[in-house]
Amino acid sequence: MSLIAETPEPPYYAVIFSSLKGDDSAGYAEMAQRMMELAARQPGFLGAESAREEIGITVSYWRDLESIRRWKAHAEHREAQRMGRDKWYSSYRTRIALVEKDYGK
């Protein structure tokens, strides 16, 4: 996967997940990798970008809102969400945005 996602012509959706990790990170890296691999196989998934320094930001791109809903409800993803809330994140925020323009080099 490229560091910068190759997305189609808009419109499409971006799910922006921002997080601050807590003190317990056991198992986090493995779960994050598994979720990225699993998301990439979901219908409607277009790509993702992720960075972590003080704050972690992952942006995943989706064809439509229904694809996002299905991913949110996926059983393995739901377990990762639960572990994030209970174990890994001291704070997090999810935002969903419609991408209307996309340009670059």
PDB file of N, CA and C in Angstrom:
ATOM      1  N   MET A   1       0.852  -1.182   0.000  1.00  0.00           N
ATOM      2  CA  MET A   1       0.000   0.000   0.000  1.00  0.00           C
ATOM      3  C   MET A   1       0.897   1.245   0.000  1.00  0.00           C
ATOM      4  N   SER A   2       0.592   2.179  -0.860  1.00  0.00           N
ATOM      5  CA  SER A   2       1.323   3.435  -0.943  1.00  0.00           C
ATOM      6  C   SER A   2       1.098   4.256   0.331  1.00  0.00           C
ATOM      7  N   LEU A   3       2.061   5.112   0.684  1.00  0.00           N
ATOM      8  CA  LEU A   3       1.897   5.966   1.859  1.00  0.00           C
ATOM      9  C   LEU A   3       0.763   6.959   1.669  1.00  0.00           C
ATOM     10  N   ILE A   4       0.574   7.431   0.432  1.00  0.00           N
ATOM     11  CA  ILE A   4      -0.554   8.315   0.117  1.00  0.00           C
ATOM     12  C   ILE A   4      -1.526   7.506  -0.731  1.00  0.00           C
ATOM     13  N   ALA A   5      -2.760   7.415  -0.271  1.00  0.00           N
ATOM     14  CA  ALA A   5      -3.772   6.602  -0.946  1.00  0.00           C
ATOM     15  C   ALA A   5      -4.072   7.142  -2.340  1.00  0.00           C
ATOM     16  N   GLU A   6      -4.225   6.229  -3.281  1.00  0.00           N
ATOM     17  CA  GLU A   6      -4.663   6.565  -4.638  1.00  0.00           C
ATOM     18  C   GLU A   6      -6.181   6.450  -4.656  1.00  0.00           C
ATOM     19  N   THR A   7      -6.858   7.562  -4.674  1.00  0.00           N
ATOM     20  CA  THR A   7      -8.315   7.574  -4.610  1.00  0.00           C
ATOM     21  C   THR A   7      -8.914   7.937  -5.966  1.00  0.00           C
ATOM     22  N   PRO A   8     -10.177   7.553  -6.193  1.00  0.00           N
ATOM     23  CA  PRO A   8     -10.824   7.868  -7.466  1.00  0.00           C
ATOM     24  C   PRO A   8     -11.286   9.325  -7.503  1.00  0.00           C
ATOM     25  N   GLU A   9     -11.848   9.693  -8.613  1.00  0.00           N
ATOM     26  CA  GLU A   9     -12.445  11.027  -8.717  1.00  0.00           C
ATOM     27  C   GLU A   9     -13.552  11.149  -7.669  1.00  0.00           C
ATOM     28  N   PRO A  10     -13.640  12.298  -6.987  1.00  0.00           N
ATOM     29  CA  PRO A  10     -14.719  12.512  -6.018  1.00  0.00           C
ATOM     30  C   PRO A  10     -16.072  12.556  -6.719  1.00  0.00           C
ATOM     31  N   PRO A  11     -17.134  12.393  -5.984  1.00  0.00           N
ATOM     32  CA  PRO A  11     -17.187  12.363  -4.515  1.00  0.00           C
ATOM     33  C   PRO A  11     -16.949  10.962  -3.952  1.00  0.00           C
ATOM     34  N   TYR A  12     -16.406  10.937  -2.755  1.00  0.00           N
ATOM     35  CA  TYR A  12     -16.270   9.749  -1.932  1.00  0.00           C
ATOM     36  C   TYR A  12     -16.154  10.246  -0.487  1.00  0.00           C
ATOM     37  N   TYR A  13     -16.040   9.345   0.455  1.00  0.00           N
ATOM     38  CA  TYR A  13     -16.035   9.725   1.865  1.00  0.00           C
ATOM     39  C   TYR A  13     -14.701   9.434   2.531  1.00  0.00           C
ATOM     40  N   ALA A  14     -14.372  10.242   3.528  1.00  0.00           N
ATOM     41  CA  ALA A  14     -13.193  10.037   4.363  1.00  0.00           C
ATOM     42  C   ALA A  14     -13.652   9.843   5.806  1.00  0.00           C
ATOM     43  N   VAL A  15     -13.121   8.814   6.448  1.00  0.00           N
ATOM     44  CA  VAL A  15     -13.317   8.609   7.878  1.00  0.00           C
ATOM     45  C   VAL A  15     -11.995   8.985   8.538  1.00  0.00           C
ATOM     46  N   ILE A  16     -12.037  10.001   9.377  1.00  0.00           N
ATOM     47  CA  ILE A  16     -10.843  10.530  10.030  1.00  0.00           C
ATOM     48  C   ILE A  16     -10.889  10.103  11.497  1.00  0.00           C
ATOM     49  N   PHE A  17      -9.925   9.270  11.876  1.00  0.00           N
ATOM     50  CA  PHE A  17      -9.863   8.765  13.241  1.00  0.00           C
ATOM     51  C   PHE A  17      -8.627   9.344  13.916  1.00  0.00           C
ATOM     52  N   SER A  18      -8.839  10.183  14.922  1.00  0.00           N
ATOM     53  CA  SER A  18      -7.759  10.811  15.684  1.00  0.00           C
ATOM     54  C   SER A  18      -7.748  10.200  17.077  1.00  0.00           C
ATOM     55  N   SER A  19      -6.541   9.905  17.592  1.00  0.00           N
ATOM     56  CA  SER A  19      -6.491   9.245  18.896  1.00  0.00           C
ATOM     57  C   SER A  19      -5.247   9.632  19.688  1.00  0.00           C
ATOM     58  N   LEU A  20      -5.400   9.538  20.999  1.00  0.00           N
ATOM     59  CA  LEU A  20      -4.289   9.634  21.939  1.00  0.00           C
ATOM     60  C   LEU A  20      -4.228   8.293  22.656  1.00  0.00           C
ATOM     61  N   LYS A  21      -3.060   7.670  22.620  1.00  0.00           N
ATOM     62  CA  LYS A  21      -2.920   6.372  23.270  1.00  0.00           C
ATOM     63  C   LYS A  21      -2.734   6.547  24.766  1.00  0.00           C
ATOM     64  N   GLY A  22      -3.259   5.576  25.503  1.00  0.00           N
ATOM     65  CA  GLY A  22      -3.070   5.536  26.945  1.00  0.00           C
ATOM     66  C   GLY A  22      -1.769   4.825  27.271  1.00  0.00           C
ATOM     67  N   ASP A  23      -1.648   4.342  28.498  1.00  0.00           N
ATOM     68  CA  ASP A  23      -0.415   3.711  28.966  1.00  0.00           C
ATOM     69  C   ASP A  23      -0.273   2.261  28.508  1.00  0.00           C
ATOM     70  N   ASP A  24      -1.371   1.571  28.265  1.00  0.00           N
ATOM     71  CA  ASP A  24      -1.328   0.153  27.907  1.00  0.00           C
ATOM     72  C   ASP A  24      -1.397   0.008  26.392  1.00  0.00           C
ATOM     73  N   SER A  25      -0.294  -0.397  25.776  1.00  0.00           N
ATOM     74  CA  SER A  25      -0.308  -0.561  24.323  1.00  0.00           C
ATOM     75  C   SER A  25      -0.073  -2.006  23.907  1.00  0.00           C
ATOM     76  N   ALA A  26      -0.144  -2.933  24.837  1.00  0.00           N
ATOM     77  CA  ALA A  26       0.070  -4.342  24.523  1.00  0.00           C
ATOM     78  C   ALA A  26      -0.956  -4.809  23.491  1.00  0.00           C
ATOM     79  N   GLY A  27      -0.464  -5.333  22.389  1.00  0.00           N
ATOM     80  CA  GLY A  27      -1.337  -5.851  21.345  1.00  0.00           C
ATOM     81  C   GLY A  27      -1.839  -4.817  20.354  1.00  0.00           C
ATOM     82  N   TYR A  28      -1.552  -3.543  20.611  1.00  0.00           N
ATOM     83  CA  TYR A  28      -2.084  -2.475  19.757  1.00  0.00           C
ATOM     84  C   TYR A  28      -1.567  -2.552  18.319  1.00  0.00           C
ATOM     85  N   ALA A  29      -0.264  -2.672  18.146  1.00  0.00           N
ATOM     86  CA  ALA A  29       0.322  -2.666  16.797  1.00  0.00           C
ATOM     87  C   ALA A  29      -0.217  -3.817  15.957  1.00  0.00           C
ATOM     88  N   GLU A  30      -0.336  -4.986  16.574  1.00  0.00           N
ATOM     89  CA  GLU A  30      -0.851  -6.146  15.852  1.00  0.00           C
ATOM     90  C   GLU A  30      -2.301  -5.932  15.433  1.00  0.00           C
ATOM     91  N   MET A  31      -3.105  -5.375  16.336  1.00  0.00           N
ATOM     92  CA  MET A  31      -4.516  -5.131  16.015  1.00  0.00           C
ATOM     93  C   MET A  31      -4.635  -4.060  14.940  1.00  0.00           C
ATOM     94  N   ALA A  32      -3.837  -3.006  15.022  1.00  0.00           N
ATOM     95  CA  ALA A  32      -3.891  -1.944  14.014  1.00  0.00           C
ATOM     96  C   ALA A  32      -3.558  -2.502  12.634  1.00  0.00           C
ATOM     97  N   GLN A  33      -2.540  -3.348  12.562  1.00  0.00           N
ATOM     98  CA  GLN A  33      -2.174  -3.957  11.281  1.00  0.00           C
ATOM     99  C   GLN A  33      -3.291  -4.860  10.781  1.00  0.00           C
ATOM    100  N   ARG A  34      -3.872  -5.655  11.665  1.00  0.00           N
ATOM    101  CA  ARG A  34      -4.970  -6.548  11.282  1.00  0.00           C
ATOM    102  C   ARG A  34      -6.161  -5.745  10.762  1.00  0.00           C
ATOM    103  N   MET A  35      -6.504  -4.645  11.424  1.00  0.00           N
ATOM    104  CA  MET A  35      -7.638  -3.836  10.987  1.00  0.00           C
ATOM    105  C   MET A  35      -7.385  -3.221   9.614  1.00  0.00           C
ATOM    106  N   MET A  36      -6.157  -2.787   9.352  1.00  0.00           N
ATOM    107  CA  MET A  36      -5.848  -2.217   8.046  1.00  0.00           C
ATOM    108  C   MET A  36      -5.968  -3.285   6.966  1.00  0.00           C
ATOM    109  N   GLU A  37      -5.463  -4.486   7.240  1.00  0.00           N
ATOM    110  CA  GLU A  37      -5.573  -5.585   6.278  1.00  0.00           C
ATOM    111  C   GLU A  37      -7.038  -5.956   6.040  1.00  0.00           C
ATOM    112  N   LEU A  38      -7.810  -6.023   7.102  1.00  0.00           N
ATOM    113  CA  LEU A  38      -9.218  -6.391   6.999  1.00  0.00           C
ATOM    114  C   LEU A  38     -10.023  -5.304   6.291  1.00  0.00           C
ATOM    115  N   ALA A  39      -9.782  -4.046   6.624  1.00  0.00           N
ATOM    116  CA  ALA A  39     -10.497  -2.937   5.968  1.00  0.00           C
ATOM    117  C   ALA A  39     -10.247  -2.957   4.470  1.00  0.00           C
ATOM    118  N   ALA A  40      -9.009  -3.251   4.077  1.00  0.00           N
ATOM    119  CA  ALA A  40      -8.656  -3.250   2.651  1.00  0.00           C
ATOM    120  C   ALA A  40      -9.445  -4.271   1.855  1.00  0.00           C
ATOM    121  N   ARG A  41      -9.996  -5.269   2.523  1.00  0.00           N
ATOM    122  CA  ARG A  41     -10.793  -6.303   1.832  1.00  0.00           C
ATOM    123  C   ARG A  41     -12.292  -6.008   1.839  1.00  0.00           C
ATOM    124  N   GLN A  42     -12.698  -4.911   2.465  1.00  0.00           N
ATOM    125  CA  GLN A  42     -14.121  -4.601   2.567  1.00  0.00           C
ATOM    126  C   GLN A  42     -14.635  -3.938   1.296  1.00  0.00           C
ATOM    127  N   PRO A  43     -15.849  -4.297   0.872  1.00  0.00           N
ATOM    128  CA  PRO A  43     -16.447  -3.616  -0.281  1.00  0.00           C
ATOM    129  C   PRO A  43     -16.556  -2.116  -0.014  1.00  0.00           C
ATOM    130  N   GLY A  44     -16.161  -1.325  -0.981  1.00  0.00           N
ATOM    131  CA  GLY A  44     -16.253   0.125  -0.853  1.00  0.00           C
ATOM    132  C   GLY A  44     -15.005   0.791  -0.306  1.00  0.00           C
ATOM    133  N   PHE A  45     -14.034   0.018   0.184  1.00  0.00           N
ATOM    134  CA  PHE A  45     -12.796   0.595   0.703  1.00  0.00           C
ATOM    135  C   PHE A  45     -11.960   1.109  -0.463  1.00  0.00           C
ATOM    136  N   LEU A  46     -11.442   2.329  -0.334  1.00  0.00           N
ATOM    137  CA  LEU A  46     -10.669   2.956  -1.413  1.00  0.00           C
ATOM    138  C   LEU A  46      -9.196   3.140  -1.061  1.00  0.00           C
ATOM    139  N   GLY A  47      -8.853   3.147   0.217  1.00  0.00           N
ATOM    140  CA  GLY A  47      -7.468   3.350   0.636  1.00  0.00           C
ATOM    141  C   GLY A  47      -7.411   3.970   2.015  1.00  0.00           C
ATOM    142  N   ALA A  48      -6.186   4.153   2.511  1.00  0.00           N
ATOM    143  CA  ALA A  48      -6.017   4.730   3.849  1.00  0.00           C
ATOM    144  C   ALA A  48      -4.631   5.337   3.975  1.00  0.00           C
ATOM    145  N   GLU A  49      -4.528   6.257   4.922  1.00  0.00           N
ATOM    146  CA  GLU A  49      -3.263   6.902   5.284  1.00  0.00           C
ATOM    147  C   GLU A  49      -3.232   6.995   6.805  1.00  0.00           C
ATOM    148  N   SER A  50      -2.038   6.826   7.370  1.00  0.00           N
ATOM    149  CA  SER A  50      -1.952   6.839   8.822  1.00  0.00           C
ATOM    150  C   SER A  50      -0.617   7.425   9.269  1.00  0.00           C
ATOM    151  N   ALA A  51      -0.660   8.164  10.372  1.00  0.00           N
ATOM    152  CA  ALA A  51       0.554   8.738  10.961  1.00  0.00           C
ATOM    153  C   ALA A  51       0.384   8.780  12.475  1.00  0.00           C
ATOM    154  N   ARG A  52       1.501   8.606  13.185  1.00  0.00           N
ATOM    155  CA  ARG A  52       1.444   8.673  14.647  1.00  0.00           C
ATOM    156  C   ARG A  52       2.688   9.353  15.163  1.00  0.00           C
ATOM    157  N   GLU A  53       2.485  10.392  15.876  1.00  0.00           N
ATOM    158  CA  GLU A  53       3.519  11.040  16.672  1.00  0.00           C
ATOM    159  C   GLU A  53       2.899  11.180  18.055  1.00  0.00           C
ATOM    160  N   GLU A  54       2.654  12.400  18.490  1.00  0.00           N
ATOM    161  CA  GLU A  54       1.961  12.601  19.764  1.00  0.00           C
ATOM    162  C   GLU A  54       0.495  12.182  19.629  1.00  0.00           C
ATOM    163  N   ILE A  55      -0.083  12.502  18.477  1.00  0.00           N
ATOM    164  CA  ILE A  55      -1.465  12.138  18.181  1.00  0.00           C
ATOM    165  C   ILE A  55      -1.448  11.197  16.981  1.00  0.00           C
ATOM    166  N   GLY A  56      -2.303  10.190  17.011  1.00  0.00           N
ATOM    167  CA  GLY A  56      -2.431   9.285  15.874  1.00  0.00           C
ATOM    168  C   GLY A  56      -3.588   9.739  14.999  1.00  0.00           C
ATOM    169  N   ILE A  57      -3.369   9.738  13.700  1.00  0.00           N
ATOM    170  CA  ILE A  57      -4.434  10.093  12.760  1.00  0.00           C
ATOM    171  C   ILE A  57      -4.438   9.057  11.647  1.00  0.00           C
ATOM    172  N   THR A  58      -5.577   8.421  11.457  1.00  0.00           N
ATOM    173  CA  THR A  58      -5.772   7.505  10.343  1.00  0.00           C
ATOM    174  C   THR A  58      -6.965   8.005   9.554  1.00  0.00           C
ATOM    175  N   VAL A  59      -6.761   8.138   8.250  1.00  0.00           N
ATOM    176  CA  VAL A  59      -7.845   8.539   7.354  1.00  0.00           C
ATOM    177  C   VAL A  59      -8.085   7.376   6.416  1.00  0.00           C
ATOM    178  N   SER A  60      -9.297   6.850   6.436  1.00  0.00           N
ATOM    179  CA  SER A  60      -9.659   5.812   5.472  1.00  0.00           C
ATOM    180  C   SER A  60     -10.683   6.390   4.510  1.00  0.00           C
ATOM    181  N   TYR A  61     -10.621   5.933   3.269  1.00  0.00           N
ATOM    182  CA  TYR A  61     -11.477   6.468   2.208  1.00  0.00           C
ATOM    183  C   TYR A  61     -12.446   5.383   1.754  1.00  0.00           C
ATOM    184  N   TRP A  62     -13.701   5.802   1.550  1.00  0.00           N
ATOM    185  CA  TRP A  62     -14.774   4.853   1.244  1.00  0.00           C
ATOM    186  C   TRP A  62     -15.659   5.392   0.123  1.00  0.00           C
ATOM    187  N   ARG A  63     -16.194   4.478  -0.646  1.00  0.00           N
ATOM    188  CA  ARG A  63     -17.057   4.821  -1.772  1.00  0.00           C
ATOM    189  C   ARG A  63     -18.342   5.519  -1.324  1.00  0.00           C
ATOM    190  N   ASP A  64     -18.940   5.028  -0.219  1.00  0.00           N
ATOM    191  CA  ASP A  64     -20.243   5.561   0.207  1.00  0.00           C
ATOM    192  C   ASP A  64     -20.460   5.324   1.699  1.00  0.00           C
ATOM    193  N   LEU A  65     -21.518   5.927   2.221  1.00  0.00           N
ATOM    194  CA  LEU A  65     -21.819   5.810   3.650  1.00  0.00           C
ATOM    195  C   LEU A  65     -22.191   4.380   4.043  1.00  0.00           C
ATOM    196  N   GLU A  66     -22.834   3.650   3.161  1.00  0.00           N
ATOM    197  CA  GLU A  66     -23.201   2.270   3.468  1.00  0.00           C
ATOM    198  C   GLU A  66     -21.954   1.413   3.681  1.00  0.00           C
ATOM    199  N   SER A  67     -20.920   1.616   2.894  1.00  0.00           N
ATOM    200  CA  SER A  67     -19.658   0.884   3.083  1.00  0.00           C
ATOM    201  C   SER A  67     -19.058   1.198   4.450  1.00  0.00           C
ATOM    202  N   ILE A  68     -19.127   2.439   4.854  1.00  0.00           N
ATOM    203  CA  ILE A  68     -18.628   2.849   6.178  1.00  0.00           C
ATOM    204  C   ILE A  68     -19.452   2.177   7.274  1.00  0.00           C
ATOM    205  N   ARG A  69     -20.758   2.152   7.130  1.00  0.00           N
ATOM    206  CA  ARG A  69     -21.632   1.509   8.134  1.00  0.00           C
ATOM    207  C   ARG A  69     -21.299   0.022   8.270  1.00  0.00           C
ATOM    208  N   ARG A  70     -21.105  -0.646   7.127  1.00  0.00           N
ATOM    209  CA  ARG A  70     -20.778  -2.077   7.173  1.00  0.00           C
ATOM    210  C   ARG A  70     -19.439  -2.308   7.873  1.00  0.00           C
ATOM    211  N   TRP A  71     -18.459  -1.463   7.607  1.00  0.00           N
ATOM    212  CA  TRP A  71     -17.156  -1.605   8.258  1.00  0.00           C
ATOM    213  C   TRP A  71     -17.275  -1.363   9.758  1.00  0.00           C
ATOM    214  N   LYS A  72     -18.014  -0.351  10.148  1.00  0.00           N
ATOM    215  CA  LYS A  72     -18.188  -0.060  11.575  1.00  0.00           C
ATOM    216  C   LYS A  72     -18.832  -1.242  12.297  1.00  0.00           C
ATOM    217  N   ALA A  73     -19.731  -1.956  11.606  1.00  0.00           N
ATOM    218  CA  ALA A  73     -20.461  -3.062  12.218  1.00  0.00           C
ATOM    219  C   ALA A  73     -19.746  -4.413  12.082  1.00  0.00           C
ATOM    220  N   HIS A  74     -18.648  -4.490  11.358  1.00  0.00           N
ATOM    221  CA  HIS A  74     -17.918  -5.748  11.167  1.00  0.00           C
ATOM    222  C   HIS A  74     -17.497  -6.294  12.532  1.00  0.00           C
ATOM    223  N   ALA A  75     -17.719  -7.578  12.757  1.00  0.00           N
ATOM    224  CA  ALA A  75     -17.505  -8.184  14.082  1.00  0.00           C
ATOM    225  C   ALA A  75     -16.081  -7.984  14.610  1.00  0.00           C
ATOM    226  N   GLU A  76     -15.085  -8.247  13.798  1.00  0.00           N
ATOM    227  CA  GLU A  76     -13.698  -8.076  14.265  1.00  0.00           C
ATOM    228  C   GLU A  76     -13.379  -6.607  14.526  1.00  0.00           C
ATOM    229  N   HIS A  77     -13.917  -5.731  13.694  1.00  0.00           N
ATOM    230  CA  HIS A  77     -13.695  -4.298  13.886  1.00  0.00           C
ATOM    231  C   HIS A  77     -14.390  -3.825  15.164  1.00  0.00           C
ATOM    232  N   ARG A  78     -15.567  -4.367  15.442  1.00  0.00           N
ATOM    233  CA  ARG A  78     -16.267  -3.998  16.681  1.00  0.00           C
ATOM    234  C   ARG A  78     -15.440  -4.392  17.907  1.00  0.00           C
ATOM    235  N   GLU A  79     -14.789  -5.554  17.850  1.00  0.00           N
ATOM    236  CA  GLU A  79     -13.933  -5.981  18.966  1.00  0.00           C
ATOM    237  C   GLU A  79     -12.739  -5.039  19.109  1.00  0.00           C
ATOM    238  N   ALA A  80     -12.142  -4.624  18.001  1.00  0.00           N
ATOM    239  CA  ALA A  80     -11.028  -3.669  18.052  1.00  0.00           C
ATOM    240  C   ALA A  80     -11.497  -2.334  18.631  1.00  0.00           C
ATOM    241  N   GLN A  81     -12.708  -1.901  18.261  1.00  0.00           N
ATOM    242  CA  GLN A  81     -13.258  -0.658  18.815  1.00  0.00           C
ATOM    243  C   GLN A  81     -13.400  -0.770  20.332  1.00  0.00           C
ATOM    244  N   ARG A  82     -13.922  -1.905  20.785  1.00  0.00           N
ATOM    245  CA  ARG A  82     -14.110  -2.117  22.225  1.00  0.00           C
ATOM    246  C   ARG A  82     -12.761  -2.074  22.954  1.00  0.00           C
ATOM    247  N   MET A  83     -11.767  -2.750  22.391  1.00  0.00           N
ATOM    248  CA  MET A  83     -10.450  -2.763  23.030  1.00  0.00           C
ATOM    249  C   MET A  83      -9.830  -1.368  23.031  1.00  0.00           C
ATOM    250  N   GLY A  84     -10.061  -0.613  21.975  1.00  0.00           N
ATOM    251  CA  GLY A  84      -9.567   0.760  21.935  1.00  0.00           C
ATOM    252  C   GLY A  84     -10.166   1.597  23.047  1.00  0.00           C
ATOM    253  N   ARG A  85     -11.478   1.499  23.200  1.00  0.00           N
ATOM    254  CA  ARG A  85     -12.159   2.259  24.265  1.00  0.00           C
ATOM    255  C   ARG A  85     -11.707   1.808  25.647  1.00  0.00           C
ATOM    256  N   ASP A  86     -11.623   0.488  25.851  1.00  0.00           N
ATOM    257  CA  ASP A  86     -11.344  -0.057  27.183  1.00  0.00           C
ATOM    258  C   ASP A  86      -9.870  -0.069  27.560  1.00  0.00           C
ATOM    259  N   LYS A  87      -8.975  -0.138  26.549  1.00  0.00           N
ATOM    260  CA  LYS A  87      -7.583  -0.436  26.862  1.00  0.00           C
ATOM    261  C   LYS A  87      -6.578   0.553  26.262  1.00  0.00           C
ATOM    262  N   TRP A  88      -6.711   0.891  24.981  1.00  0.00           N
ATOM    263  CA  TRP A  88      -5.620   1.563  24.287  1.00  0.00           C
ATOM    264  C   TRP A  88      -5.696   3.080  24.235  1.00  0.00           C
ATOM    265  N   TYR A  89      -6.886   3.658  24.155  1.00  0.00           N
ATOM    266  CA  TYR A  89      -6.989   5.093  23.922  1.00  0.00           C
ATOM    267  C   TYR A  89      -7.389   5.860  25.178  1.00  0.00           C
ATOM    268  N   SER A  90      -6.677   6.944  25.432  1.00  0.00           N
ATOM    269  CA  SER A  90      -7.106   7.844  26.506  1.00  0.00           C
ATOM    270  C   SER A  90      -8.142   8.823  25.951  1.00  0.00           C
ATOM    271  N   SER A  91      -8.107   9.039  24.646  1.00  0.00           N
ATOM    272  CA  SER A  91      -9.067   9.925  23.982  1.00  0.00           C
ATOM    273  C   SER A  91      -9.082   9.594  22.496  1.00  0.00           C
ATOM    274  N   TYR A  92     -10.236   9.740  21.863  1.00  0.00           N
ATOM    275  CA  TYR A  92     -10.318   9.532  20.417  1.00  0.00           C
ATOM    276  C   TYR A  92     -11.513  10.287  19.853  1.00  0.00           C
ATOM    277  N   ARG A  93     -11.488  10.479  18.558  1.00  0.00           N
ATOM    278  CA  ARG A  93     -12.591  11.148  17.856  1.00  0.00           C
ATOM    279  C   ARG A  93     -12.653  10.577  16.445  1.00  0.00           C
ATOM    280  N   THR A  94     -13.864  10.297  15.978  1.00  0.00           N
ATOM    281  CA  THR A  94     -14.082   9.852  14.598  1.00  0.00           C
ATOM    282  C   THR A  94     -14.925  10.893  13.892  1.00  0.00           C
ATOM    283  N   ARG A  95     -14.474  11.264  12.708  1.00  0.00           N
ATOM    284  CA  ARG A  95     -15.205  12.231  11.884  1.00  0.00           C
ATOM    285  C   ARG A  95     -15.390  11.631  10.509  1.00  0.00           C
ATOM    286  N   ILE A  96     -16.545  11.882   9.896  1.00  0.00           N
ATOM    287  CA  ILE A  96     -16.821  11.399   8.551  1.00  0.00           C
ATOM    288  C   ILE A  96     -17.096  12.618   7.680  1.00  0.00           C
ATOM    289  N   ALA A  97     -16.384  12.685   6.552  1.00  0.00           N
ATOM    290  CA  ALA A  97     -16.496  13.846   5.675  1.00  0.00           C
ATOM    291  C   ALA A  97     -16.683  13.414   4.230  1.00  0.00           C
ATOM    292  N   LEU A  98     -17.428  14.200   3.491  1.00  0.00           N
ATOM    293  CA  LEU A  98     -17.587  14.001   2.053  1.00  0.00           C
ATOM    294  C   LEU A  98     -16.436  14.720   1.354  1.00  0.00           C
ATOM    295  N   VAL A  99     -15.692  13.990   0.542  1.00  0.00           N
ATOM    296  CA  VAL A  99     -14.605  14.581  -0.235  1.00  0.00           C
ATOM    297  C   VAL A  99     -15.186  15.049  -1.559  1.00  0.00           C
ATOM    298  N   GLU A 100     -15.098  16.343  -1.795  1.00  0.00           N
ATOM    299  CA  GLU A 100     -15.650  16.935  -3.016  1.00  0.00           C
ATOM    300  C   GLU A 100     -14.577  17.299  -4.027  1.00  0.00           C
ATOM    301  N   LYS A 101     -13.360  17.532  -3.544  1.00  0.00           N
ATOM    302  CA  LYS A 101     -12.232  17.859  -4.427  1.00  0.00           C
ATOM    303  C   LYS A 101     -11.043  17.028  -4.001  1.00  0.00           C
ATOM    304  N   ASP A 102     -10.221  16.657  -4.981  1.00  0.00           N
ATOM    305  CA  ASP A 102      -9.052  15.844  -4.737  1.00  0.00           C
ATOM    306  C   ASP A 102      -8.035  16.210  -5.817  1.00  0.00           C
ATOM    307  N   TYR A 103      -6.902  16.773  -5.419  1.00  0.00           N
ATOM    308  CA  TYR A 103      -5.868  17.116  -6.395  1.00  0.00           C
ATOM    309  C   TYR A 103      -4.503  17.023  -5.738  1.00  0.00           C
ATOM    310  N   GLY A 104      -3.472  16.899  -6.528  1.00  0.00           N
ATOM    311  CA  GLY A 104      -2.128  16.820  -5.983  1.00  0.00           C
ATOM    312  C   GLY A 104      -1.145  16.368  -7.032  1.00  0.00           C
ATOM    313  N   LYS A 105      -0.003  16.002  -6.570  1.00  0.00           N
ATOM    314  CA  LYS A 105       1.088  15.589  -7.448  1.00  0.00           C
ATOM    315  C   LYS A 105       1.482  14.166  -7.158  1.00  0.00           C
TER     316      LYS A 105
END
